[in-house]
Protein backbone atom coordinates (compact mmCIF):
# COMPACT_ATOMS: atom_id res chain seq x y z
CA MET A 1 -29.95 39.45 -8.57
CA LYS A 2 -31.64 37.03 -10.95
CA PRO A 3 -35.22 36.22 -9.87
CA LEU A 4 -35.98 32.71 -8.69
CA ARG A 5 -37.25 30.39 -11.39
CA TYR A 6 -39.62 28.93 -8.82
CA PRO A 7 -40.45 31.79 -6.41
CA LEU A 8 -42.27 29.51 -3.95
CA LEU A 9 -39.31 27.12 -3.70
CA PRO A 10 -37.80 28.76 -0.57
CA LEU A 11 -41.15 28.54 1.21
CA GLY A 12 -41.58 24.94 0.11
CA MET A 13 -38.11 24.04 1.34
CA PHE A 14 -38.72 25.76 4.66
CA LEU A 15 -42.00 23.90 5.17
CA LEU A 16 -40.33 20.57 4.40
CA PHE A 17 -37.64 21.33 6.95
CA VAL A 18 -40.29 22.33 9.50
CA LEU A 19 -42.14 19.08 8.85
CA GLY A 20 -39.00 16.99 9.30
CA MET A 21 -37.90 18.73 12.48
CA ALA A 22 -41.44 18.75 13.92
CA LEU A 23 -41.64 14.98 13.39
CA ILE A 24 -38.63 14.70 15.66
CA GLN A 25 -39.49 17.43 18.16
CA PHE A 26 -43.08 16.43 18.84
CA SER A 27 -42.46 12.71 19.11
CA THR A 28 -42.34 13.47 22.85
CA PRO A 29 -43.90 16.11 25.11
CA ASN A 30 -40.53 16.51 26.82
CA MET A 31 -37.64 18.84 26.01
CA PRO A 32 -34.42 17.14 24.90
CA ASP A 33 -32.00 19.20 26.97
CA ASN A 34 -31.85 20.93 30.34
CA ASP A 35 -30.53 24.27 29.09
CA GLY A 36 -33.64 24.94 27.02
CA PHE A 37 -35.57 25.49 30.25
CA TYR A 38 -33.19 28.28 31.21
CA HIS A 39 -33.22 29.94 27.78
CA ILE A 40 -36.99 30.12 27.36
CA LYS A 41 -37.50 31.28 30.96
CA LEU A 42 -34.91 34.04 30.64
CA ALA A 43 -36.53 35.15 27.38
CA GLN A 44 -39.84 35.43 29.23
CA ILE A 45 -38.17 37.53 31.93
CA MET A 46 -36.68 39.77 29.23
CA ARG A 47 -40.14 40.23 27.73
CA THR A 48 -41.66 41.27 31.04
CA GLU A 49 -38.76 43.10 32.72
CA GLY A 50 -36.69 44.51 29.85
CA LEU A 51 -33.92 43.28 27.57
CA LYS A 52 -31.25 43.61 30.24
CA PRO A 53 -32.84 42.34 33.46
CA GLU A 54 -31.09 41.88 36.77
CA PHE A 55 -29.72 38.36 37.26
CA PRO A 56 -29.54 37.50 40.99
CA TRP A 57 -29.91 33.72 40.65
CA LEU A 58 -26.27 32.53 40.64
CA PRO A 59 -24.49 34.82 43.11
CA LEU A 60 -21.60 32.42 43.82
CA SER A 61 -20.45 32.21 40.20
CA ILE A 62 -18.99 34.42 37.48
CA LEU A 63 -22.64 35.07 36.57
CA ASN A 64 -23.14 36.98 39.82
CA PRO A 65 -25.15 40.23 39.61
CA GLN A 66 -22.04 42.41 39.33
CA GLU A 67 -20.37 40.39 36.54
CA TYR A 68 -23.37 38.95 34.69
CA TYR A 69 -23.07 38.72 30.91
CA ASP A 70 -25.78 37.26 28.69
CA HIS A 71 -23.63 35.45 26.12
CA HIS A 72 -26.79 34.42 24.23
CA PHE A 73 -28.28 37.90 24.21
CA LEU A 74 -29.77 38.07 20.70
CA TYR A 75 -30.76 34.43 20.88
CA HIS A 76 -32.86 35.25 23.93
CA VAL A 77 -34.31 38.23 22.08
CA ALA A 78 -35.22 35.91 19.20
CA LEU A 79 -36.94 33.59 21.69
CA ILE A 80 -39.19 36.33 23.07
CA PRO A 81 -42.05 35.79 20.54
CA PHE A 82 -42.14 32.12 21.54
CA THR A 83 -42.76 33.09 25.18
CA LEU A 84 -46.25 34.20 24.12
CA PHE A 85 -47.31 30.55 24.09
CA PRO A 86 -49.46 29.82 27.18
CA ASP A 87 -47.17 26.84 27.77
CA LEU A 88 -43.52 27.96 27.67
CA ARG A 89 -42.50 24.39 26.95
CA LEU A 90 -44.37 24.44 23.64
CA GLY A 91 -42.83 27.78 22.77
CA ALA A 92 -39.37 26.36 23.41
CA LYS A 93 -40.06 23.31 21.26
CA TRP A 94 -41.45 25.35 18.36
CA SER A 95 -38.48 27.71 18.52
CA ALA A 96 -36.14 24.75 18.04
CA VAL A 97 -38.14 23.62 15.00
CA ILE A 98 -38.22 27.09 13.41
CA PHE A 99 -34.59 28.02 14.08
CA SER A 100 -33.21 24.69 12.84
CA SER A 101 -35.36 25.00 9.72
CA LEU A 102 -33.97 28.49 9.13
CA ALA A 103 -30.45 27.08 9.42
CA PHE A 104 -31.24 24.43 6.83
CA LEU A 105 -32.80 27.07 4.60
CA ALA A 106 -29.61 29.15 4.88
CA ILE A 107 -27.62 26.16 3.59
CA TRP A 108 -30.07 25.73 0.71
CA HIS A 109 -29.60 29.45 -0.01
CA LEU A 110 -25.84 28.86 -0.16
CA PHE A 111 -26.32 26.01 -2.63
CA HIS A 112 -28.79 28.00 -4.70
CA ARG A 113 -26.67 31.15 -4.90
CA GLN A 114 -23.65 29.08 -5.92
CA ARG A 115 -25.67 27.28 -8.61
CA ILE A 116 -25.16 23.82 -7.18
CA PRO A 117 -27.16 21.44 -9.40
CA TYR A 118 -30.17 19.98 -7.58
CA ASP A 119 -29.63 22.40 -4.71
CA TRP A 120 -32.98 21.41 -3.20
CA LEU A 121 -32.01 17.73 -3.10
CA TRP A 122 -28.66 18.41 -1.48
CA ALA A 123 -30.39 20.59 1.11
CA LEU A 124 -32.96 17.90 1.92
CA ALA A 125 -30.02 15.63 2.74
CA LEU A 126 -29.58 17.74 5.89
CA LEU A 127 -32.47 15.73 7.34
CA GLY A 128 -30.40 12.57 6.93
CA VAL A 129 -26.71 13.36 7.45
CA SER A 130 -26.67 12.47 11.15
CA ASP A 131 -29.25 11.60 13.77
CA ALA A 132 -26.99 13.15 16.44
CA PHE A 133 -26.97 16.36 14.39
CA LEU A 134 -30.77 16.32 14.15
CA TYR A 135 -30.98 15.76 17.90
CA ARG A 136 -28.72 18.75 18.57
CA MET A 137 -30.76 20.87 16.16
CA SER A 138 -33.86 19.90 18.17
CA VAL A 139 -32.49 21.40 21.37
CA THR A 140 -33.63 24.87 22.44
CA ARG A 141 -30.19 26.40 22.22
CA ALA A 142 -28.38 28.88 19.99
CA GLN A 143 -26.51 26.31 17.88
CA SER A 144 -29.09 26.24 15.10
CA LEU A 145 -28.96 30.00 14.57
CA SER A 146 -25.18 29.80 14.84
CA LEU A 147 -25.18 27.34 11.94
CA ALA A 148 -27.45 29.68 9.97
CA PHE A 149 -24.97 32.53 10.51
CA LEU A 150 -22.05 30.38 9.35
CA ALA A 151 -23.92 29.25 6.23
CA LEU A 152 -24.95 32.79 5.35
CA GLY A 153 -21.41 33.98 6.06
CA THR A 154 -20.05 31.33 3.70
CA ALA A 155 -22.40 32.51 0.96
CA TRP A 156 -21.23 36.10 1.39
CA LEU A 157 -17.60 34.99 1.43
CA PHE A 158 -18.07 33.36 -1.96
CA GLU A 159 -19.95 36.39 -3.30
CA LYS A 160 -17.35 38.82 -1.90
CA LYS A 161 -20.00 40.75 0.02
CA TYR A 162 -17.53 41.70 2.69
CA LYS A 163 -19.45 44.63 4.19
CA ARG A 164 -22.42 42.35 4.81
CA LEU A 165 -20.00 39.85 6.30
CA ALA A 166 -18.73 42.49 8.74
CA ALA A 167 -22.30 43.32 9.79
CA LEU A 168 -23.11 39.63 10.19
CA SER A 169 -20.02 39.13 12.36
CA PHE A 170 -21.07 42.07 14.53
CA VAL A 171 -24.52 40.55 15.09
CA TYR A 172 -23.00 37.10 15.67
CA VAL A 173 -21.10 38.45 18.70
CA TRP A 174 -24.39 39.58 20.23
CA LEU A 175 -26.10 36.30 19.31
CA TYR A 176 -23.81 33.66 20.79
CA ASP A 177 -20.26 33.27 22.01
CA ALA A 178 -19.31 30.90 19.18
CA PHE A 179 -18.52 33.97 17.04
CA PRO A 180 -14.78 33.04 16.74
CA LEU A 181 -15.96 30.36 14.29
CA MET A 182 -16.72 33.10 11.76
CA LEU A 183 -13.15 34.32 12.05
CA ALA A 184 -11.93 30.75 11.58
CA LEU A 185 -13.99 30.40 8.40
CA GLY A 186 -12.56 33.69 7.15
CA GLY A 187 -9.05 32.35 7.71
CA LEU A 188 -9.89 29.12 5.89
CA TYR A 189 -11.25 31.10 2.94
CA VAL A 190 -8.03 33.13 2.72
CA LEU A 191 -6.07 29.86 2.74
CA ALA A 192 -8.36 28.25 0.14
CA VAL A 193 -7.97 31.17 -2.27
CA LEU A 194 -4.21 31.16 -1.73
CA VAL A 195 -3.99 27.44 -2.55
CA ALA A 196 -6.50 27.34 -5.42
CA GLU A 197 -5.90 30.71 -7.07
CA ARG A 198 -2.40 31.64 -5.91
CA ARG A 199 -3.45 35.01 -4.54
CA PHE A 200 -3.72 36.48 -1.05
CA GLU A 201 -7.33 37.55 -0.50
CA TYR A 202 -7.00 39.14 2.91
CA LYS A 203 -10.04 41.45 2.84
CA PRO A 204 -12.67 39.04 4.22
CA LEU A 205 -10.54 38.33 7.26
CA LEU A 206 -10.18 42.05 7.95
CA TYR A 207 -13.91 42.70 7.58
CA ILE A 208 -14.82 39.78 9.84
CA ALA A 209 -12.27 40.84 12.46
CA ALA A 210 -13.56 44.42 12.33
CA GLY A 211 -17.16 43.26 12.75
CA ILE A 212 -16.26 41.06 15.70
CA ALA A 213 -14.19 43.78 17.36
CA LEU A 214 -17.03 46.28 17.05
CA GLY A 215 -19.51 43.68 18.33
CA VAL A 216 -17.38 43.09 21.40
CA ILE A 217 -16.81 46.79 22.16
CA ILE A 218 -20.21 48.18 21.17
CA ASN A 219 -21.98 45.76 23.44
CA PRO A 220 -24.54 46.23 26.23
CA TYR A 221 -22.35 44.11 28.51
CA PHE A 222 -18.91 45.57 27.75
CA PRO A 223 -16.39 44.95 29.36
CA ALA A 224 -17.94 42.04 31.31
CA ASN A 225 -18.34 40.20 27.99
CA LEU A 226 -14.57 40.17 27.43
CA ILE A 227 -13.85 38.82 30.90
CA PHE A 228 -16.57 36.18 30.68
CA SER A 229 -15.55 34.95 27.21
CA TRP A 230 -11.99 34.47 28.38
CA ASN A 231 -13.03 32.68 31.57
CA HIS A 232 -15.65 30.55 29.83
CA MET A 233 -13.57 29.22 26.95
CA LEU A 234 -10.09 28.91 28.47
CA PRO A 235 -10.89 25.94 30.78
CA LYS A 236 -12.45 24.06 27.86
CA LEU A 237 -9.42 24.61 25.62
CA THR A 238 -6.69 23.89 28.16
CA ASP A 239 -7.95 21.37 30.72
CA ALA A 240 -11.45 20.20 29.87
CA THR A 241 -11.35 17.20 32.21
CA SER A 242 -10.33 19.04 35.40
CA VAL A 243 -13.97 19.88 36.15
CA SER A 244 -16.95 17.75 35.19
CA VAL A 245 -18.46 20.01 32.55
CA GLY A 246 -20.98 17.66 31.02
CA ASN A 247 -20.96 15.04 28.30
CA GLU A 248 -21.05 17.46 25.39
CA TRP A 249 -17.46 18.58 26.01
CA PHE A 250 -16.11 15.05 25.63
CA PRO A 251 -15.67 13.16 22.34
CA TYR A 252 -17.66 10.31 20.87
CA ASN A 253 -15.85 7.03 20.51
CA THR A 254 -15.42 5.59 17.02
CA LYS A 255 -18.40 3.25 17.34
CA GLN A 256 -20.70 6.10 18.36
CA ILE A 257 -19.63 8.30 15.44
CA LEU A 258 -20.16 5.47 12.97
CA GLU A 259 -23.62 4.88 14.40
CA ASN A 260 -24.89 8.46 14.69
CA SER A 261 -23.04 10.23 11.87
CA LEU A 262 -22.44 7.52 9.28
CA PHE A 263 -24.00 9.39 6.37
CA SER A 264 -22.07 12.57 7.04
CA LEU A 265 -18.88 10.50 6.85
CA LEU A 266 -20.08 8.87 3.63
CA PHE A 267 -20.90 12.24 2.07
CA PHE A 268 -17.46 13.50 3.05
CA VAL A 269 -15.70 10.45 1.59
CA SER A 270 -17.81 10.72 -1.57
CA GLY A 271 -16.60 14.30 -1.95
CA ILE A 272 -12.99 13.13 -1.78
CA PHE A 273 -13.85 10.49 -4.38
CA ALA A 274 -15.43 13.14 -6.62
CA LEU A 275 -12.24 15.21 -6.49
CA GLY A 276 -10.30 12.17 -7.68
CA LEU A 277 -12.60 11.71 -10.65
CA THR A 278 -12.16 15.17 -12.12
CA GLU A 279 -9.29 16.40 -14.22
CA ARG A 280 -10.06 20.00 -13.31
CA ARG A 281 -8.18 21.89 -10.63
CA MET A 282 -10.10 22.23 -7.36
CA ASP A 283 -11.64 25.69 -7.14
CA SER A 284 -11.48 27.92 -4.07
CA ARG A 285 -15.08 27.17 -3.05
CA THR A 286 -14.47 23.43 -2.90
CA ALA A 287 -11.11 23.92 -1.19
CA PHE A 288 -12.78 26.09 1.43
CA ALA A 289 -15.57 23.56 2.00
CA LEU A 290 -12.99 20.78 2.38
CA LEU A 291 -10.97 22.79 4.90
CA ALA A 292 -14.11 23.74 6.86
CA ALA A 293 -15.27 20.12 7.00
CA LEU A 294 -11.82 19.04 8.19
CA LEU A 295 -11.78 21.77 10.86
CA PHE A 296 -15.18 20.79 12.23
CA GLY A 297 -14.23 17.12 11.99
CA LEU A 298 -11.20 17.76 14.18
CA MET A 299 -13.37 19.72 16.60
CA LEU A 300 -15.85 16.83 16.72
CA MET A 301 -12.99 14.52 17.66
CA GLN A 302 -12.38 16.79 20.67
CA ALA A 303 -15.98 17.36 21.79
CA ARG A 304 -19.28 15.83 20.72
CA ARG A 305 -21.05 19.19 20.86
CA PHE A 306 -19.49 20.02 17.48
CA VAL A 307 -21.66 17.40 15.82
CA GLU A 308 -23.87 20.40 15.04
CA TYR A 309 -21.24 21.65 12.55
CA PHE A 310 -19.35 18.73 11.01
CA PRO A 311 -22.28 16.91 9.32
CA PRO A 312 -23.65 19.99 7.49
CA PHE A 313 -20.20 21.10 6.37
CA ALA A 314 -19.35 17.58 5.24
CA LEU A 315 -22.49 17.77 3.10
CA ILE A 316 -21.55 21.24 1.83
CA PHE A 317 -18.15 19.91 0.78
CA ALA A 318 -19.74 16.95 -1.02
CA ALA A 319 -22.16 19.24 -2.87
CA PHE A 320 -19.36 21.46 -4.16
CA ALA A 321 -17.09 18.52 -4.97
CA TRP A 322 -19.78 16.85 -7.07
CA ALA A 323 -21.13 20.03 -8.68
CA GLY A 324 -18.77 19.85 -11.65
CA HIS A 325 -19.78 16.28 -12.43
CA PHE A 326 -23.46 17.19 -12.49
CA LEU A 327 -22.72 20.14 -14.75
CA ASP A 328 -20.39 18.28 -17.09
CA ARG A 329 -22.33 17.52 -20.26
CA GLN A 330 -19.40 16.22 -22.30
CA PHE A 331 -20.00 12.64 -21.27
CA ALA A 332 -23.74 13.04 -21.75
CA CYS A 333 -23.19 14.31 -25.30
CA ARG A 334 -21.17 11.21 -26.20
CA VAL A 335 -23.90 8.90 -24.97
CA SER A 336 -26.93 8.15 -27.09
CA THR A 337 -30.06 9.18 -25.23
CA SER A 338 -32.21 6.89 -27.36
CA SER A 339 -31.24 3.87 -25.32
CA PRO A 340 -33.01 3.50 -21.96
CA LEU A 341 -29.86 1.95 -20.54
CA MET A 342 -27.75 4.88 -21.66
CA ARG A 343 -30.23 7.36 -20.24
CA LEU A 344 -29.99 5.47 -16.96
CA VAL A 345 -26.19 5.75 -17.07
CA ARG A 346 -26.41 9.45 -17.84
CA ASN A 347 -28.69 10.05 -14.86
CA ALA A 348 -26.77 7.75 -12.51
CA PRO A 349 -25.33 10.58 -10.33
CA LEU A 350 -28.79 12.06 -9.78
CA LEU A 351 -30.29 8.65 -9.05
CA LEU A 352 -27.52 7.83 -6.60
CA LEU A 353 -27.93 11.17 -4.82
CA SER A 354 -31.69 10.68 -4.62
CA ALA A 355 -31.23 7.20 -3.19
CA ALA A 356 -28.68 8.47 -0.67
CA VAL A 357 -31.05 11.20 0.49
CA LEU A 358 -34.02 8.85 0.82
CA ILE A 359 -32.05 6.18 2.67
CA SER A 360 -30.30 8.62 4.99
CA VAL A 361 -33.48 10.52 5.87
CA GLY A 362 -35.33 7.24 6.38
CA ARG A 363 -32.67 6.13 8.84
CA SER A 364 -31.78 9.34 10.65
CA ILE A 365 -35.20 10.81 11.48
CA PRO A 366 -36.48 7.65 13.25
CA ARG A 367 -33.21 7.39 15.18
CA ALA A 368 -33.43 11.05 16.21
CA ARG A 369 -37.04 10.49 17.32
CA GLU A 370 -35.90 7.53 19.38
CA ALA A 371 -33.13 9.59 21.00
CA ILE A 372 -35.40 12.50 21.88
CA ASN A 373 -37.91 10.10 23.39
CA ASP A 374 -35.32 9.28 26.04
CA SER A 375 -35.50 12.85 27.36
CA LYS A 376 -36.22 13.42 31.03
CA PRO A 377 -39.87 14.24 31.88
CA TYR A 378 -40.58 17.93 31.42
CA ASN A 379 -42.13 18.20 34.90
CA LEU A 380 -38.95 17.00 36.62
CA TYR A 381 -38.53 18.98 39.88
CA ALA A 382 -41.79 20.87 39.31
CA GLY A 383 -43.16 19.69 42.66
CA ALA A 384 -40.04 20.55 44.66
CA SER A 385 -39.80 23.93 42.92
CA GLN A 386 -43.41 24.74 43.71
CA TRP A 387 -42.90 23.88 47.37
CA LEU A 388 -39.82 26.13 47.56
CA ALA A 389 -41.62 29.00 45.84
CA GLU A 390 -44.59 28.78 48.20
CA ASN A 391 -42.84 28.07 51.50
CA THR A 392 -39.53 29.95 51.55
CA PRO A 393 -38.55 33.63 51.80
CA ALA A 394 -37.97 35.47 48.53
CA GLY A 395 -34.33 35.30 47.47
CA SER A 396 -33.41 32.56 49.94
CA ARG A 397 -30.59 30.44 48.59
CA VAL A 398 -30.95 26.79 47.59
CA PHE A 399 -27.96 24.44 47.78
CA GLN A 400 -28.19 21.92 44.90
CA THR A 401 -26.35 18.63 44.77
CA ASP A 402 -26.20 18.68 40.95
CA TRP A 403 -25.13 21.67 38.87
CA ASP A 404 -27.22 20.78 35.82
CA ASP A 405 -30.47 20.81 37.81
CA PHE A 406 -30.40 24.61 37.77
CA PRO A 407 -32.20 25.22 34.42
CA ARG A 408 -35.27 23.25 35.50
CA LEU A 409 -35.31 24.77 38.98
CA PHE A 410 -34.98 28.24 37.44
CA TYR A 411 -37.75 27.48 34.93
CA TYR A 412 -40.23 26.55 37.65
CA ASN A 413 -39.03 28.87 40.41
CA THR A 414 -37.35 32.28 40.15
CA HIS A 415 -38.46 33.03 43.71
CA ASN A 416 -35.24 31.53 45.13
CA THR A 417 -31.58 31.91 44.21
CA TYR A 418 -29.27 29.00 43.57
CA LEU A 419 -25.72 27.85 44.07
CA ILE A 420 -24.39 26.59 40.77
CA GLY A 421 -25.70 26.17 37.26
CA LEU A 422 -25.31 26.16 33.47
CA ASP A 423 -21.62 25.24 33.72
CA PRO A 424 -19.74 24.08 36.84
CA THR A 425 -16.69 26.10 35.83
CA TYR A 426 -18.70 29.27 36.49
CA MET A 427 -18.51 28.52 40.22
CA GLN A 428 -15.06 26.96 40.06
CA LEU A 429 -13.64 30.12 38.47
CA TYR A 430 -15.43 32.32 41.01
CA ASP A 431 -14.08 30.47 44.06
CA PRO A 432 -12.08 27.25 43.49
CA GLU A 433 -12.00 26.30 47.18
CA LEU A 434 -15.75 26.77 47.54
CA TYR A 435 -16.34 24.65 44.44
CA ASP A 436 -14.12 21.85 45.77
CA LEU A 437 -16.01 21.95 49.07
CA TRP A 438 -19.32 21.74 47.21
CA VAL A 439 -18.09 18.64 45.37
CA LEU A 440 -17.08 16.94 48.62
CA ILE A 441 -20.45 17.66 50.23
CA THR A 442 -22.47 16.42 47.25
CA GLN A 443 -20.42 13.22 47.18
CA GLY A 444 -21.30 12.53 50.82
CA LYS A 445 -17.73 12.97 52.06
CA VAL A 446 -18.54 15.61 54.71
CA ASP A 447 -20.21 14.72 58.01
CA ASN A 448 -22.94 17.06 59.29
CA PRO A 449 -22.74 19.31 56.22
CA SER A 450 -25.46 21.70 57.41
CA SER A 451 -23.08 23.99 59.28
CA ILE A 452 -20.87 24.40 56.20
CA ILE A 453 -23.87 24.80 53.90
CA ALA A 454 -25.12 27.61 56.11
CA ALA A 455 -21.83 29.34 56.91
CA LYS A 456 -19.85 28.91 53.70
CA PHE A 457 -22.62 28.86 51.09
CA GLY A 458 -25.24 31.03 52.77
CA ALA A 459 -27.95 28.54 51.85
CA GLN A 460 -31.12 27.99 53.87
CA TYR A 461 -32.44 25.05 51.82
CA VAL A 462 -31.03 22.03 50.03
CA HIS A 463 -32.39 20.40 46.88
CA THR A 464 -31.20 16.96 45.84
CA ASP A 465 -32.32 14.33 43.40
CA LEU A 466 -32.68 10.77 44.65
CA LYS A 467 -29.47 9.58 42.98
CA HIS A 468 -27.14 11.28 45.45
CA GLY A 469 -27.39 8.41 47.92
CA ASN A 470 -24.18 9.18 49.80
CA PHE A 471 -25.25 12.77 50.42
CA ILE A 472 -28.77 11.70 51.45
CA ARG A 473 -27.34 9.27 54.01
CA LYS A 474 -25.23 12.06 55.50
CA ALA A 475 -28.23 14.40 55.51
CA GLU A 476 -30.40 11.87 57.33
CA HIS A 477 -27.90 11.80 60.20
CA ASP A 478 -27.36 15.57 60.29
CA PRO A 479 -29.46 17.25 63.04
CA GLY A 480 -29.01 20.55 61.20
CA LEU A 481 -30.97 19.33 58.17
CA ARG A 482 -34.71 18.74 58.34
CA GLU A 483 -36.56 17.07 55.47
CA VAL A 484 -39.47 19.31 54.49
CA TYR A 485 -40.47 17.91 51.10
CA ARG A 486 -40.10 14.63 49.22
CA ASP A 487 -41.56 13.13 46.08
CA ASP A 488 -40.40 10.50 43.59
CA GLN A 489 -38.00 13.00 41.98
CA ALA A 490 -36.37 15.07 44.70
CA ILE A 491 -35.94 15.88 48.37
CA VAL A 492 -35.85 19.35 49.94
CA TYR A 493 -34.15 19.93 53.29
CA GLN A 494 -34.30 23.02 55.45
CA VAL A 495 -31.05 24.10 57.07
CA ILE A 496 -31.91 24.52 60.74
CA GLN A 497 -28.73 26.34 61.62
CA PRO A 498 -29.02 29.90 60.27
CA PRO A 499 -26.24 31.34 58.09
CA GLN A 500 -23.48 33.04 60.06
């Protein structure tokens, strides 16, 4: 491997990425997503109780103690050092900054290894391709490390380091359940080589498949991991609207995409334009990048959560599509460099790229800061959680009226167990009738719900936010529910009738 011409360049790039992401992350004391509360808290539990702790907190779901599978296992392991912060919230926020910066550095590494001209400038464009992408990268979730794995996997695909690719695929399975994306990229690479070079390069697909298969089988949660992965993904792929699974599984409309991902679209279109300018045949790298960008673009049209993949791969495609033009010196040799105007023409591509990076970064970072400033207050439900922890028996079950309140309740209070959380399909798959009954109760369509809450759900307490007005009105007229705590965020009721 040829030594770096500027050995401190990777460190400098990393620090620039950290600076950019920290400007976004620390524009607010709050965390931009609910799930981050769950991830950092579970990492703390893993640090204190072992890497495979018991998980009693969602007994009426497919994450019950007998079937529990940590589908972010290595991500939680990676979070453990950040739980050493006295304030877990700060640890979670810094982890998002560091992991997203590592993902961006992995993309720079791809550019550098493939000798993309001005690799550092293309990589800095990651801070401007999409404010929605920057927002997602600021969330304490596994997506940033997932992107890093895909970028590193792409580099090893191009370099034909298939054994490393197999090992990376193995680790990816343990990291996060988006590992099928690596297999998809392997398939796209096989197709790209077939189209561009007229040969069937099947080896990378075999190595990736072998790594994934071993990661699934040689797994601390086998075979529960197989069952969970099937149950978790199938509802999203076949009938995503049958259960309210959260905004991220639904697409942006056209106006939203144009507002939050305009520059990623412009980079993609510029790459298509660059292909039209060249007389050379498209190489397999560029063909692969085009196919990957198209795949993630189609996925983004299905669910907004994939905004974490389309913008960077649109940029990767643009970088490879324009690489030949930056390297082509034939035009430069025909132009006299003595004329300032001609020198300007010669350097026009670099000047245009620099302008695009500056403008996009100048637009996207402030917009991402504005978006993250709309996050819910980090102490949401802290008071209700503290009351429950101090005034209820250990392990007593709490009936929630909103499934996505679980991460914050769990963060502040592991003393109790809960009804539903992380994904509503986890309960719906466990017991469809029970889930439907829960929905009816939370919508205020069941009179005197306390008897059902006690008998069917085994819950002794109820937690609700103040937005569930229909449920609150039913609760106020239910003699089996007694209000025991209220603040400006939540109400806690005690179920007077004991579980049967």
